[in-house]
């Protein structure tokens, strides 16, 4: 859900952005991260953040942060167990976090172009 929301919010602002999402589960245990470079890696919660830190190559220039760190430091809970209300809350949280992230990224781009 987060990927779709971030793409949508960026599109509403006229920002061209490439967004990809991936789990940190045991699906590809022992395999290194994708060789393609990412500028920002956003973790939904502390567990995913720890998993990402563990597999992140030391040479990676990507900024790795908890997605919630752009707003309120709250993790994004799994909506699966919260019924339709859980999904609605997740959508609202992803929308707020997407806008907070885009505000910061836009600020960095504007600051560098001066």
N, C-alpha and C. Protein backbone atom coordinates (compact mmCIF):
# COMPACT_ATOMS: atom_id res chain seq x y z
N UNK A 1 0.81 -1.18 0.00
CA UNK A 1 0.00 0.00 0.00
C UNK A 1 0.87 1.26 0.00
N UNK A 2 1.94 1.24 0.78
CA UNK A 2 2.80 2.42 0.88
C UNK A 2 3.37 2.86 -0.45
N UNK A 3 3.77 1.89 -1.27
CA UNK A 3 4.33 2.21 -2.58
C UNK A 3 3.31 2.96 -3.43
N UNK A 4 2.08 2.45 -3.49
CA UNK A 4 1.04 3.08 -4.31
C UNK A 4 0.70 4.47 -3.80
N UNK A 5 0.63 4.63 -2.48
CA UNK A 5 0.30 5.93 -1.90
C UNK A 5 1.40 6.95 -2.19
N UNK A 6 2.66 6.56 -2.00
CA UNK A 6 3.77 7.48 -2.26
C UNK A 6 3.79 7.90 -3.73
N UNK A 7 3.60 6.95 -4.63
CA UNK A 7 3.54 7.29 -6.06
C UNK A 7 2.41 8.27 -6.34
N UNK A 8 1.24 8.01 -5.76
CA UNK A 8 0.08 8.87 -5.98
C UNK A 8 0.31 10.29 -5.45
N UNK A 9 0.84 10.40 -4.25
CA UNK A 9 1.08 11.72 -3.67
C UNK A 9 2.14 12.49 -4.47
N UNK A 10 3.17 11.79 -4.94
CA UNK A 10 4.20 12.44 -5.76
C UNK A 10 3.60 12.91 -7.08
N UNK A 11 2.77 12.07 -7.68
CA UNK A 11 2.12 12.42 -8.95
C UNK A 11 1.25 13.66 -8.78
N UNK A 12 0.52 13.74 -7.67
CA UNK A 12 -0.33 14.92 -7.41
C UNK A 12 0.50 16.20 -7.36
N UNK A 13 1.75 16.08 -6.93
CA UNK A 13 2.65 17.23 -6.84
C UNK A 13 3.43 17.48 -8.13
N UNK A 14 3.27 16.59 -9.10
CA UNK A 14 4.01 16.72 -10.34
C UNK A 14 5.47 16.29 -10.21
N UNK A 15 5.75 15.42 -9.24
CA UNK A 15 7.11 14.94 -9.01
C UNK A 15 7.30 13.60 -9.70
N UNK A 16 8.32 13.51 -10.51
CA UNK A 16 8.67 12.23 -11.14
C UNK A 16 9.50 11.44 -10.13
N UNK A 17 9.01 10.28 -9.74
CA UNK A 17 9.68 9.50 -8.71
C UNK A 17 9.58 8.02 -9.06
N UNK A 18 10.64 7.28 -8.81
CA UNK A 18 10.62 5.83 -8.95
C UNK A 18 10.48 5.25 -7.56
N UNK A 19 9.46 4.45 -7.36
CA UNK A 19 9.20 3.84 -6.06
C UNK A 19 9.13 2.34 -6.25
N UNK A 20 9.79 1.62 -5.36
CA UNK A 20 9.75 0.16 -5.39
C UNK A 20 9.58 -0.30 -3.95
N UNK A 21 8.85 -1.36 -3.76
CA UNK A 21 8.69 -1.87 -2.40
C UNK A 21 9.11 -3.33 -2.37
N UNK A 22 9.57 -3.75 -1.22
CA UNK A 22 10.01 -5.13 -1.05
C UNK A 22 9.90 -5.50 0.42
N UNK A 23 9.61 -6.75 0.67
CA UNK A 23 9.56 -7.22 2.04
C UNK A 23 10.95 -7.58 2.53
N UNK A 24 11.05 -7.75 3.81
CA UNK A 24 12.34 -8.17 4.39
C UNK A 24 12.20 -9.54 5.02
N UNK A 25 11.17 -10.27 4.60
CA UNK A 25 10.95 -11.61 5.11
C UNK A 25 12.02 -12.57 4.63
N UNK A 26 11.84 -13.83 4.90
CA UNK A 26 12.83 -14.86 4.62
C UNK A 26 12.76 -15.42 3.20
N UNK A 27 12.18 -14.69 2.28
CA UNK A 27 12.00 -15.19 0.93
C UNK A 27 13.31 -15.35 0.17
N UNK A 28 14.28 -14.51 0.44
CA UNK A 28 15.55 -14.55 -0.27
C UNK A 28 16.71 -14.56 0.73
N UNK A 29 16.61 -15.42 1.72
CA UNK A 29 17.62 -15.51 2.78
C UNK A 29 19.00 -15.74 2.18
N UNK A 30 19.96 -14.96 2.63
CA UNK A 30 21.34 -15.11 2.21
C UNK A 30 21.70 -14.42 0.92
N UNK A 31 20.70 -13.89 0.22
CA UNK A 31 20.98 -13.19 -1.03
C UNK A 31 21.26 -11.72 -0.72
N UNK A 32 22.21 -11.12 -1.43
CA UNK A 32 22.49 -9.70 -1.21
C UNK A 32 21.34 -8.84 -1.75
N UNK A 33 21.24 -7.60 -1.31
CA UNK A 33 20.22 -6.70 -1.84
C UNK A 33 20.41 -6.49 -3.33
N UNK A 34 19.38 -6.07 -3.98
CA UNK A 34 19.42 -5.78 -5.42
C UNK A 34 20.55 -4.81 -5.71
N UNK A 35 21.25 -5.04 -6.79
CA UNK A 35 22.40 -4.21 -7.14
C UNK A 35 22.01 -2.80 -7.59
N UNK A 36 20.74 -2.60 -7.96
CA UNK A 36 20.33 -1.26 -8.37
C UNK A 36 20.40 -0.33 -7.17
N UNK A 37 20.69 0.89 -7.43
CA UNK A 37 20.88 1.83 -6.32
C UNK A 37 19.58 2.51 -5.93
N UNK A 38 19.47 2.77 -4.66
CA UNK A 38 18.32 3.50 -4.14
C UNK A 38 18.84 4.69 -3.37
N UNK A 39 18.19 5.82 -3.53
CA UNK A 39 18.60 7.02 -2.82
C UNK A 39 18.03 7.03 -1.41
N UNK A 40 16.80 6.56 -1.28
CA UNK A 40 16.14 6.50 0.03
C UNK A 40 15.55 5.12 0.20
N UNK A 41 15.72 4.55 1.39
CA UNK A 41 15.09 3.29 1.73
C UNK A 41 14.28 3.55 2.99
N UNK A 42 12.98 3.33 2.88
CA UNK A 42 12.06 3.63 3.97
C UNK A 42 11.53 2.34 4.57
N UNK A 43 11.74 2.16 5.85
CA UNK A 43 11.28 0.96 6.55
C UNK A 43 9.95 1.26 7.24
N UNK A 44 9.03 0.31 7.13
CA UNK A 44 7.70 0.50 7.73
C UNK A 44 7.73 0.42 9.25
N UNK A 45 8.63 -0.38 9.79
CA UNK A 45 8.69 -0.53 11.25
C UNK A 45 10.12 -0.89 11.68
N UNK A 46 10.32 -0.98 12.97
CA UNK A 46 11.66 -1.24 13.52
C UNK A 46 12.22 -2.59 13.09
N UNK A 47 11.36 -3.60 13.01
CA UNK A 47 11.81 -4.92 12.59
C UNK A 47 12.37 -4.88 11.17
N UNK A 48 11.65 -4.23 10.27
CA UNK A 48 12.13 -4.10 8.89
C UNK A 48 13.38 -3.24 8.82
N UNK A 49 13.45 -2.21 9.65
CA UNK A 49 14.64 -1.36 9.68
C UNK A 49 15.87 -2.16 10.08
N UNK A 50 15.73 -2.98 11.13
CA UNK A 50 16.85 -3.83 11.56
C UNK A 50 17.25 -4.81 10.46
N UNK A 51 16.27 -5.42 9.81
CA UNK A 51 16.57 -6.36 8.73
C UNK A 51 17.30 -5.66 7.59
N UNK A 52 16.86 -4.47 7.25
CA UNK A 52 17.50 -3.71 6.17
C UNK A 52 18.93 -3.30 6.54
N UNK A 53 19.11 -2.88 7.79
CA UNK A 53 20.45 -2.51 8.23
C UNK A 53 21.39 -3.71 8.18
N UNK A 54 20.87 -4.90 8.47
CA UNK A 54 21.69 -6.10 8.49
C UNK A 54 22.16 -6.51 7.09
N UNK A 55 21.35 -6.25 6.07
CA UNK A 55 21.71 -6.69 4.71
C UNK A 55 22.23 -5.55 3.84
N UNK A 56 22.21 -4.37 4.35
CA UNK A 56 22.65 -3.21 3.57
C UNK A 56 24.16 -3.25 3.34
N UNK A 57 24.58 -3.15 2.08
CA UNK A 57 26.02 -3.10 1.82
C UNK A 57 26.64 -1.85 2.44
N UNK A 58 27.82 -1.99 2.99
CA UNK A 58 28.49 -0.84 3.63
C UNK A 58 28.72 0.30 2.66
N UNK A 59 28.85 -0.01 1.40
CA UNK A 59 29.12 1.02 0.39
C UNK A 59 27.86 1.72 -0.11
N UNK A 60 26.71 1.32 0.38
CA UNK A 60 25.45 1.89 -0.09
C UNK A 60 25.33 3.36 0.31
N UNK A 61 25.07 4.23 -0.66
CA UNK A 61 24.89 5.64 -0.36
C UNK A 61 23.46 5.99 0.06
N UNK A 62 22.58 5.01 0.05
CA UNK A 62 21.17 5.26 0.34
C UNK A 62 20.95 5.72 1.77
N UNK A 63 20.00 6.60 1.94
CA UNK A 63 19.58 7.05 3.27
C UNK A 63 18.53 6.05 3.75
N UNK A 64 18.83 5.31 4.80
CA UNK A 64 17.94 4.29 5.35
C UNK A 64 17.32 4.82 6.63
N UNK A 65 16.00 4.92 6.63
CA UNK A 65 15.30 5.47 7.80
C UNK A 65 13.94 4.79 7.99
N UNK A 66 13.46 4.87 9.20
CA UNK A 66 12.08 4.50 9.49
C UNK A 66 11.20 5.53 8.79
N UNK A 67 10.23 5.07 8.02
CA UNK A 67 9.39 6.01 7.27
C UNK A 67 8.73 7.01 8.21
N UNK A 68 8.34 6.56 9.37
CA UNK A 68 7.70 7.43 10.35
C UNK A 68 8.61 8.53 10.87
N UNK A 69 9.92 8.40 10.68
CA UNK A 69 10.86 9.42 11.16
C UNK A 69 10.68 10.75 10.44
N UNK A 70 9.99 10.73 9.33
CA UNK A 70 9.74 11.98 8.60
C UNK A 70 8.57 12.76 9.20
N UNK A 71 7.86 12.14 10.17
CA UNK A 71 6.71 12.82 10.75
C UNK A 71 6.60 12.63 12.26
N UNK A 72 6.29 11.42 12.69
CA UNK A 72 5.98 11.21 14.11
C UNK A 72 6.71 10.03 14.75
N UNK A 73 7.63 9.42 14.02
CA UNK A 73 8.41 8.26 14.49
C UNK A 73 7.57 7.03 14.81
N UNK A 74 6.34 6.98 14.32
CA UNK A 74 5.48 5.82 14.56
C UNK A 74 5.64 4.81 13.43
N UNK A 75 5.69 3.51 13.78
CA UNK A 75 5.76 2.48 12.74
C UNK A 75 4.43 2.36 12.02
N UNK A 76 4.46 1.78 10.85
CA UNK A 76 3.23 1.50 10.11
C UNK A 76 2.81 0.08 10.49
N UNK A 77 1.70 -0.06 11.20
CA UNK A 77 1.28 -1.40 11.60
C UNK A 77 0.73 -2.18 10.40
N UNK A 78 0.83 -3.50 10.49
CA UNK A 78 0.29 -4.36 9.45
C UNK A 78 -1.23 -4.26 9.50
N UNK A 79 -1.87 -3.79 8.43
CA UNK A 79 -3.32 -3.62 8.46
C UNK A 79 -4.10 -4.93 8.36
N UNK A 80 -3.42 -5.99 8.05
CA UNK A 80 -4.06 -7.28 7.81
C UNK A 80 -4.94 -7.72 8.99
N UNK A 81 -4.50 -7.43 10.19
CA UNK A 81 -5.21 -7.91 11.37
C UNK A 81 -6.22 -6.91 11.93
N UNK A 82 -6.39 -5.77 11.28
CA UNK A 82 -7.27 -4.75 11.82
C UNK A 82 -8.58 -4.55 11.06
N UNK A 83 -8.96 -5.51 10.23
CA UNK A 83 -10.19 -5.36 9.46
C UNK A 83 -10.12 -4.16 8.53
N UNK A 84 -11.26 -3.71 8.06
CA UNK A 84 -11.29 -2.57 7.14
C UNK A 84 -10.79 -1.30 7.81
N UNK A 85 -11.01 -1.17 9.11
CA UNK A 85 -10.52 0.00 9.85
C UNK A 85 -9.00 0.04 9.85
N UNK A 86 -8.37 -1.13 9.96
CA UNK A 86 -6.91 -1.20 9.93
C UNK A 86 -6.36 -0.72 8.61
N UNK A 87 -7.03 -1.08 7.53
CA UNK A 87 -6.58 -0.64 6.20
C UNK A 87 -6.80 0.85 6.02
N UNK A 88 -7.91 1.37 6.52
CA UNK A 88 -8.16 2.81 6.42
C UNK A 88 -7.13 3.60 7.20
N UNK A 89 -6.80 3.15 8.41
CA UNK A 89 -5.78 3.83 9.21
C UNK A 89 -4.42 3.78 8.53
N UNK A 90 -4.11 2.62 7.95
CA UNK A 90 -2.83 2.46 7.24
C UNK A 90 -2.78 3.41 6.04
N UNK A 91 -3.87 3.52 5.29
CA UNK A 91 -3.93 4.43 4.15
C UNK A 91 -3.71 5.87 4.61
N UNK A 92 -4.37 6.27 5.67
CA UNK A 92 -4.22 7.63 6.20
C UNK A 92 -2.79 7.89 6.65
N UNK A 93 -2.20 6.91 7.35
CA UNK A 93 -0.83 7.08 7.83
C UNK A 93 0.15 7.14 6.66
N UNK A 94 -0.02 6.28 5.67
CA UNK A 94 0.87 6.29 4.50
C UNK A 94 0.76 7.60 3.74
N UNK A 95 -0.45 8.16 3.67
CA UNK A 95 -0.64 9.44 2.99
C UNK A 95 0.10 10.55 3.72
N UNK A 96 -0.05 10.60 5.04
CA UNK A 96 0.65 11.62 5.84
C UNK A 96 2.16 11.46 5.73
N UNK A 97 2.64 10.22 5.83
CA UNK A 97 4.07 9.98 5.77
C UNK A 97 4.63 10.27 4.38
N UNK A 98 3.87 9.96 3.35
CA UNK A 98 4.31 10.27 1.99
C UNK A 98 4.50 11.76 1.82
N UNK A 99 3.54 12.53 2.30
CA UNK A 99 3.65 13.99 2.17
C UNK A 99 4.78 14.55 3.00
N UNK A 100 4.99 14.02 4.20
CA UNK A 100 6.11 14.48 5.03
C UNK A 100 7.44 14.15 4.36
N UNK A 101 7.56 12.95 3.80
CA UNK A 101 8.77 12.55 3.09
C UNK A 101 9.00 13.45 1.88
N UNK A 102 7.96 13.66 1.08
CA UNK A 102 8.10 14.49 -0.12
C UNK A 102 8.43 15.93 0.24
N UNK A 103 7.86 16.45 1.33
CA UNK A 103 8.20 17.81 1.78
C UNK A 103 9.69 17.91 2.05
N UNK A 104 10.24 16.92 2.75
CA UNK A 104 11.66 16.96 3.09
C UNK A 104 12.54 16.80 1.84
N UNK A 105 12.18 15.87 0.98
CA UNK A 105 12.96 15.63 -0.23
C UNK A 105 12.91 16.86 -1.14
N UNK A 106 11.74 17.44 -1.29
CA UNK A 106 11.61 18.66 -2.11
C UNK A 106 12.44 19.79 -1.51
N UNK A 107 12.47 19.88 -0.19
CA UNK A 107 13.26 20.91 0.46
C UNK A 107 14.74 20.74 0.20
N UNK A 108 15.21 19.49 0.17
CA UNK A 108 16.62 19.23 -0.11
C UNK A 108 16.95 19.59 -1.54
N UNK A 109 16.07 19.27 -2.47
CA UNK A 109 16.31 19.58 -3.89
C UNK A 109 16.32 21.08 -4.09
N UNK A 110 15.37 21.78 -3.51
CA UNK A 110 15.31 23.24 -3.64
C UNK A 110 16.54 23.87 -3.00
N UNK A 111 16.95 23.36 -1.83
CA UNK A 111 18.12 23.89 -1.14
C UNK A 111 19.40 23.70 -1.92
N UNK A 112 19.50 22.59 -2.66
CA UNK A 112 20.72 22.33 -3.44
C UNK A 112 20.76 23.10 -4.74
N UNK A 113 19.62 23.54 -5.23
CA UNK A 113 19.62 24.22 -6.52
C UNK A 113 19.87 25.72 -6.39
N UNK A 114 19.95 26.21 -5.18
CA UNK A 114 20.21 27.65 -4.97
C UNK A 114 21.68 27.96 -5.08
